[in-house]
Amino acid sequence: MKGNHTYFQQRFLLPLIVFLVSACGVVKDTPTLPSGMTATEIQTYSRTLGMPLSGKENPVLIKEVAGWIGTPYRHGGNTRSGVDCSGFIWALYRDVYGISIARTTRDQSIQSRRIGRRGLQEGDLLFFRTKGRSISHVGIYLGNGYFAHASTSRGVIVSSLSEDYYNQRFAHGGRVRPG
């Protein structure tokens, strides 16, 4: 009888205990949130973008913007080897929304329906006057006061509308009219 007990321990009980102990802390349940991202992905993208994420954001937009972070600024560029502000927005709208929009900041402003700061929604364009009185810079609103854009000095980054520089130069938001 003792031999059978040892056989049972070695054959069934010991592997079961090893499995249960190894599963604790190693296999974690990472539920998918409403956005389609896991909590781990949200933390990763939040760090990459330098902004808090709630998990309700458009995962395609968030992942696409994260992939552009650090892309250097290049006047007239619209690829990940170098991009200007309107080229960045042009590429995002093509890749995230499947929408072909104008290529220049001025034309993007004309193509979009004007939106006030309080009415901004994720994906809206943000227009700035950085060089005098005319619209000269564009970004895309990510939510919670944050937007992504191609900075001439730092390339593609995420900034806050509450930063003095952008707050003072904000002209208006724009909602793209497809087609």
C-alpha atoms as a PDB file:
ATOM      1  CA  MET A   1       0.000   0.000   0.000  1.00  0.00           C
ATOM      2  CA  LYS A   2       2.839   2.385   0.837  1.00  0.00           C
ATOM      3  CA  GLY A   3       4.389   1.803  -2.602  1.00  0.00           C
ATOM      4  CA  ASN A   4       1.127   2.725  -4.328  1.00  0.00           C
ATOM      5  CA  HIS A   5       0.868   5.903  -2.240  1.00  0.00           C
ATOM      6  CA  THR A   6       4.391   6.995  -3.285  1.00  0.00           C
ATOM      7  CA  TYR A   7       3.597   6.184  -6.926  1.00  0.00           C
ATOM      8  CA  PHE A   8       0.433   8.338  -6.709  1.00  0.00           C
ATOM      9  CA  GLN A   9       2.415  11.223  -5.196  1.00  0.00           C
ATOM     10  CA  GLN A  10       5.111  11.052  -7.859  1.00  0.00           C
ATOM     11  CA  ARG A  11       2.778  10.480 -10.803  1.00  0.00           C
ATOM     12  CA  PHE A  12      -0.149  12.791 -10.004  1.00  0.00           C
ATOM     13  CA  LEU A  13       0.112  14.827  -6.829  1.00  0.00           C
ATOM     14  CA  LEU A  14       3.616  16.249  -7.254  1.00  0.00           C
ATOM     15  CA  PRO A  15       3.056  17.454 -10.866  1.00  0.00           C
ATOM     16  CA  LEU A  16      -0.262  18.991  -9.796  1.00  0.00           C
ATOM     17  CA  ILE A  17       1.383  20.908  -6.958  1.00  0.00           C
ATOM     18  CA  VAL A  18       4.220  22.083  -9.236  1.00  0.00           C
ATOM     19  CA  PHE A  19       1.693  23.266 -11.827  1.00  0.00           C
ATOM     20  CA  LEU A  20      -0.418  25.145  -9.286  1.00  0.00           C
ATOM     21  CA  VAL A  21       2.571  26.800  -7.628  1.00  0.00           C
ATOM     22  CA  SER A  22       4.156  27.773 -10.930  1.00  0.00           C
ATOM     23  CA  ALA A  23       0.871  29.165 -12.228  1.00  0.00           C
ATOM     24  CA  CYS A  24       0.597  31.513  -9.259  1.00  0.00           C
ATOM     25  CA  GLY A  25       2.124  34.834 -10.224  1.00  0.00           C
ATOM     26  CA  VAL A  26       3.308  33.665 -13.624  1.00  0.00           C
ATOM     27  CA  VAL A  27       0.074  33.356 -15.515  1.00  0.00           C
ATOM     28  CA  LYS A  28      -1.791  36.582 -14.973  1.00  0.00           C
ATOM     29  CA  ASP A  29      -5.275  37.292 -16.122  1.00  0.00           C
ATOM     30  CA  THR A  30      -5.042  40.439 -18.213  1.00  0.00           C
ATOM     31  CA  PRO A  31      -8.595  41.187 -19.251  1.00  0.00           C
ATOM     32  CA  THR A  32      -9.221  43.162 -22.386  1.00  0.00           C
ATOM     33  CA  LEU A  33     -10.699  46.570 -21.645  1.00  0.00           C
ATOM     34  CA  PRO A  34     -13.406  48.347 -23.667  1.00  0.00           C
ATOM     35  CA  SER A  35     -10.756  49.796 -25.972  1.00  0.00           C
ATOM     36  CA  GLY A  36      -9.566  46.344 -26.936  1.00  0.00           C
ATOM     37  CA  MET A  37      -6.274  46.871 -25.093  1.00  0.00           C
ATOM     38  CA  THR A  38      -5.090  45.031 -22.013  1.00  0.00           C
ATOM     39  CA  ALA A  39      -4.085  46.829 -18.827  1.00  0.00           C
ATOM     40  CA  THR A  40      -0.438  46.077 -19.655  1.00  0.00           C
ATOM     41  CA  GLU A  41      -0.794  47.625 -23.118  1.00  0.00           C
ATOM     42  CA  ILE A  42      -2.444  50.697 -21.639  1.00  0.00           C
ATOM     43  CA  GLN A  43       0.465  51.139 -19.198  1.00  0.00           C
ATOM     44  CA  THR A  44       2.997  50.671 -21.996  1.00  0.00           C
ATOM     45  CA  TYR A  45       1.304  53.141 -24.350  1.00  0.00           C
ATOM     46  CA  SER A  46       0.760  55.605 -21.518  1.00  0.00           C
ATOM     47  CA  ARG A  47       4.523  55.587 -20.842  1.00  0.00           C
ATOM     48  CA  THR A  48       5.386  55.783 -24.543  1.00  0.00           C
ATOM     49  CA  LEU A  49       3.038  58.703 -25.145  1.00  0.00           C
ATOM     50  CA  GLY A  50       3.721  60.434 -21.818  1.00  0.00           C
ATOM     51  CA  MET A  51       0.037  60.831 -21.015  1.00  0.00           C
ATOM     52  CA  PRO A  52      -2.543  59.042 -18.885  1.00  0.00           C
ATOM     53  CA  LEU A  53      -4.808  56.596 -20.724  1.00  0.00           C
ATOM     54  CA  SER A  54      -8.176  55.459 -19.421  1.00  0.00           C
ATOM     55  CA  GLY A  55      -8.607  52.388 -21.596  1.00  0.00           C
ATOM     56  CA  LYS A  56     -11.492  53.945 -23.500  1.00  0.00           C
ATOM     57  CA  GLU A  57      -9.308  55.410 -26.243  1.00  0.00           C
ATOM     58  CA  ASN A  58      -9.311  54.268 -29.855  1.00  0.00           C
ATOM     59  CA  PRO A  59      -6.644  51.527 -29.764  1.00  0.00           C
ATOM     60  CA  VAL A  60      -5.819  51.928 -33.452  1.00  0.00           C
ATOM     61  CA  LEU A  61      -5.103  55.647 -33.001  1.00  0.00           C
ATOM     62  CA  ILE A  62      -3.109  55.131 -29.796  1.00  0.00           C
ATOM     63  CA  LYS A  63      -0.975  52.330 -31.265  1.00  0.00           C
ATOM     64  CA  GLU A  64      -0.372  54.238 -34.492  1.00  0.00           C
ATOM     65  CA  VAL A  65       0.669  57.436 -32.704  1.00  0.00           C
ATOM     66  CA  ALA A  66       2.959  55.418 -30.401  1.00  0.00           C
ATOM     67  CA  GLY A  67       4.657  53.977 -33.473  1.00  0.00           C
ATOM     68  CA  TRP A  68       5.451  57.495 -34.717  1.00  0.00           C
ATOM     69  CA  ILE A  69       6.888  58.843 -31.438  1.00  0.00           C
ATOM     70  CA  GLY A  70      10.431  60.074 -31.996  1.00  0.00           C
ATOM     71  CA  THR A  71      10.155  60.250 -35.786  1.00  0.00           C
ATOM     72  CA  PRO A  72      12.366  63.196 -36.751  1.00  0.00           C
ATOM     73  CA  TYR A  73      10.949  66.372 -38.241  1.00  0.00           C
ATOM     74  CA  ARG A  74      11.510  66.839 -41.961  1.00  0.00           C
ATOM     75  CA  HIS A  75       9.830  69.654 -43.887  1.00  0.00           C
ATOM     76  CA  GLY A  76       7.601  68.116 -46.566  1.00  0.00           C
ATOM     77  CA  GLY A  77       8.010  64.616 -45.116  1.00  0.00           C
ATOM     78  CA  ASN A  78       5.200  62.128 -44.547  1.00  0.00           C
ATOM     79  CA  THR A  79       7.021  58.903 -43.659  1.00  0.00           C
ATOM     80  CA  ARG A  80       8.570  57.453 -40.513  1.00  0.00           C
ATOM     81  CA  SER A  81      12.004  58.475 -41.738  1.00  0.00           C
ATOM     82  CA  GLY A  82      10.944  62.125 -41.451  1.00  0.00           C
ATOM     83  CA  VAL A  83       7.663  64.000 -41.228  1.00  0.00           C
ATOM     84  CA  ASP A  84       6.284  67.503 -40.861  1.00  0.00           C
ATOM     85  CA  CYS A  85       3.159  68.345 -38.868  1.00  0.00           C
ATOM     86  CA  SER A  86       0.642  68.160 -41.708  1.00  0.00           C
ATOM     87  CA  GLY A  87       2.319  65.075 -43.209  1.00  0.00           C
ATOM     88  CA  PHE A  88       1.965  63.339 -39.838  1.00  0.00           C
ATOM     89  CA  ILE A  89      -1.759  64.163 -39.706  1.00  0.00           C
ATOM     90  CA  TRP A  90      -2.204  63.140 -43.362  1.00  0.00           C
ATOM     91  CA  ALA A  91      -0.578  59.740 -42.688  1.00  0.00           C
ATOM     92  CA  LEU A  92      -2.553  59.168 -39.452  1.00  0.00           C
ATOM     93  CA  TYR A  93      -5.894  59.848 -41.118  1.00  0.00           C
ATOM     94  CA  ARG A  94      -4.989  57.499 -43.970  1.00  0.00           C
ATOM     95  CA  ASP A  95      -3.780  54.681 -41.703  1.00  0.00           C
ATOM     96  CA  VAL A  96      -6.158  55.001 -38.735  1.00  0.00           C
ATOM     97  CA  TYR A  97      -9.390  56.182 -40.323  1.00  0.00           C
ATOM     98  CA  GLY A  98      -8.925  55.262 -43.984  1.00  0.00           C
ATOM     99  CA  ILE A  99      -9.655  58.867 -44.917  1.00  0.00           C
ATOM    100  CA  SER A 100      -7.733  60.871 -47.486  1.00  0.00           C
ATOM    101  CA  ILE A 101      -7.341  64.439 -46.268  1.00  0.00           C
ATOM    102  CA  ALA A 102      -5.522  67.480 -47.572  1.00  0.00           C
ATOM    103  CA  ARG A 103      -1.741  67.496 -47.249  1.00  0.00           C
ATOM    104  CA  THR A 104      -1.050  71.023 -45.970  1.00  0.00           C
ATOM    105  CA  THR A 105      -1.951  72.584 -42.636  1.00  0.00           C
ATOM    106  CA  ARG A 106      -3.849  75.387 -44.354  1.00  0.00           C
ATOM    107  CA  ASP A 107      -5.884  72.976 -46.500  1.00  0.00           C
ATOM    108  CA  GLN A 108      -6.545  70.678 -43.528  1.00  0.00           C
ATOM    109  CA  SER A 109      -7.949  73.682 -41.691  1.00  0.00           C
ATOM    110  CA  ILE A 110     -10.201  74.523 -44.657  1.00  0.00           C
ATOM    111  CA  GLN A 111     -11.302  70.873 -45.047  1.00  0.00           C
ATOM    112  CA  SER A 112     -12.359  70.527 -41.408  1.00  0.00           C
ATOM    113  CA  ARG A 113     -15.385  71.912 -39.584  1.00  0.00           C
ATOM    114  CA  ARG A 114     -14.346  74.394 -36.903  1.00  0.00           C
ATOM    115  CA  ILE A 115     -14.646  73.119 -33.301  1.00  0.00           C
ATOM    116  CA  GLY A 116     -14.135  75.090 -30.101  1.00  0.00           C
ATOM    117  CA  ARG A 117     -11.822  73.871 -27.370  1.00  0.00           C
ATOM    118  CA  ARG A 118     -14.708  72.577 -25.227  1.00  0.00           C
ATOM    119  CA  GLY A 119     -16.131  70.484 -28.055  1.00  0.00           C
ATOM    120  CA  LEU A 120     -12.926  68.611 -28.872  1.00  0.00           C
ATOM    121  CA  GLN A 121     -13.119  64.858 -29.368  1.00  0.00           C
ATOM    122  CA  GLU A 122     -10.452  62.254 -29.948  1.00  0.00           C
ATOM    123  CA  GLY A 123      -9.249  62.460 -33.545  1.00  0.00           C
ATOM    124  CA  ASP A 124     -10.084  66.144 -34.008  1.00  0.00           C
ATOM    125  CA  LEU A 125      -7.403  68.368 -35.459  1.00  0.00           C
ATOM    126  CA  LEU A 126      -5.848  71.190 -33.470  1.00  0.00           C
ATOM    127  CA  PHE A 127      -4.640  74.272 -35.292  1.00  0.00           C
ATOM    128  CA  PHE A 128      -2.095  76.727 -33.951  1.00  0.00           C
ATOM    129  CA  ARG A 129      -0.677  80.114 -34.875  1.00  0.00           C
ATOM    130  CA  THR A 130       3.028  79.615 -34.238  1.00  0.00           C
ATOM    131  CA  LYS A 131       4.255  82.118 -36.862  1.00  0.00           C
ATOM    132  CA  GLY A 132       2.226  85.297 -36.702  1.00  0.00           C
ATOM    133  CA  ARG A 133      -1.484  85.498 -37.489  1.00  0.00           C
ATOM    134  CA  SER A 134      -1.963  82.603 -39.906  1.00  0.00           C
ATOM    135  CA  ILE A 135      -2.488  78.934 -39.070  1.00  0.00           C
ATOM    136  CA  SER A 136       0.953  77.310 -39.208  1.00  0.00           C
ATOM    137  CA  HIS A 137       0.848  74.124 -37.125  1.00  0.00           C
ATOM    138  CA  VAL A 138      -1.491  71.145 -36.722  1.00  0.00           C
ATOM    139  CA  GLY A 139      -1.812  68.239 -34.286  1.00  0.00           C
ATOM    140  CA  ILE A 140      -4.348  65.520 -33.515  1.00  0.00           C
ATOM    141  CA  TYR A 141      -6.344  65.478 -30.292  1.00  0.00           C
ATOM    142  CA  LEU A 142      -5.893  62.308 -28.218  1.00  0.00           C
ATOM    143  CA  GLY A 143      -8.173  63.267 -25.336  1.00  0.00           C
ATOM    144  CA  ASN A 144      -7.775  64.592 -21.809  1.00  0.00           C
ATOM    145  CA  GLY A 145      -6.078  67.750 -23.074  1.00  0.00           C
ATOM    146  CA  TYR A 146      -3.291  65.908 -24.928  1.00  0.00           C
ATOM    147  CA  PHE A 147      -2.412  65.941 -28.601  1.00  0.00           C
ATOM    148  CA  ALA A 148       0.192  64.414 -30.903  1.00  0.00           C
ATOM    149  CA  HIS A 149       2.127  66.476 -33.429  1.00  0.00           C
ATOM    150  CA  ALA A 150       5.424  66.789 -35.255  1.00  0.00           C
ATOM    151  CA  SER A 151       7.545  69.401 -33.526  1.00  0.00           C
ATOM    152  CA  THR A 152      10.313  71.048 -35.559  1.00  0.00           C
ATOM    153  CA  SER A 153      12.769  70.603 -32.689  1.00  0.00           C
ATOM    154  CA  ARG A 154      11.770  67.233 -31.206  1.00  0.00           C
ATOM    155  CA  GLY A 155       9.992  65.343 -33.993  1.00  0.00           C
ATOM    156  CA  VAL A 156       6.763  63.494 -33.246  1.00  0.00           C
ATOM    157  CA  ILE A 157       5.741  64.012 -29.622  1.00  0.00           C
ATOM    158  CA  VAL A 158       2.682  64.275 -27.406  1.00  0.00           C
ATOM    159  CA  SER A 159       2.046  67.615 -25.706  1.00  0.00           C
ATOM    160  CA  SER A 160      -0.584  69.103 -23.454  1.00  0.00           C
ATOM    161  CA  LEU A 161      -2.866  71.917 -24.539  1.00  0.00           C
ATOM    162  CA  SER A 162      -2.367  73.376 -21.067  1.00  0.00           C
ATOM    163  CA  GLU A 163       1.332  74.052 -21.752  1.00  0.00           C
ATOM    164  CA  ASP A 164       1.713  77.819 -22.024  1.00  0.00           C
ATOM    165  CA  TYR A 165       3.240  77.701 -25.506  1.00  0.00           C
ATOM    166  CA  TYR A 166       0.347  75.721 -27.039  1.00  0.00           C
ATOM    167  CA  ASN A 167      -2.352  77.293 -24.903  1.00  0.00           C
ATOM    168  CA  GLN A 168      -1.372  80.784 -26.081  1.00  0.00           C
ATOM    169  CA  ARG A 169      -1.083  79.786 -29.749  1.00  0.00           C
ATOM    170  CA  PHE A 170      -4.179  77.569 -30.047  1.00  0.00           C
ATOM    171  CA  ALA A 171      -6.421  78.883 -32.841  1.00  0.00           C
ATOM    172  CA  HIS A 172      -9.221  76.297 -33.060  1.00  0.00           C
ATOM    173  CA  GLY A 173     -10.071  72.651 -33.412  1.00  0.00           C
ATOM    174  CA  GLY A 174     -11.273  71.018 -36.589  1.00  0.00           C
ATOM    175  CA  ARG A 175     -13.403  67.957 -37.275  1.00  0.00           C
ATOM    176  CA  VAL A 176     -12.586  66.345 -40.589  1.00  0.00           C
ATOM    177  CA  ARG A 177     -15.407  66.007 -43.055  1.00  0.00           C
ATOM    178  CA  PRO A 178     -14.694  62.771 -44.957  1.00  0.00           C
ATOM    179  CA  GLY A 179     -14.594  62.918 -48.755  1.00  0.00           C
END
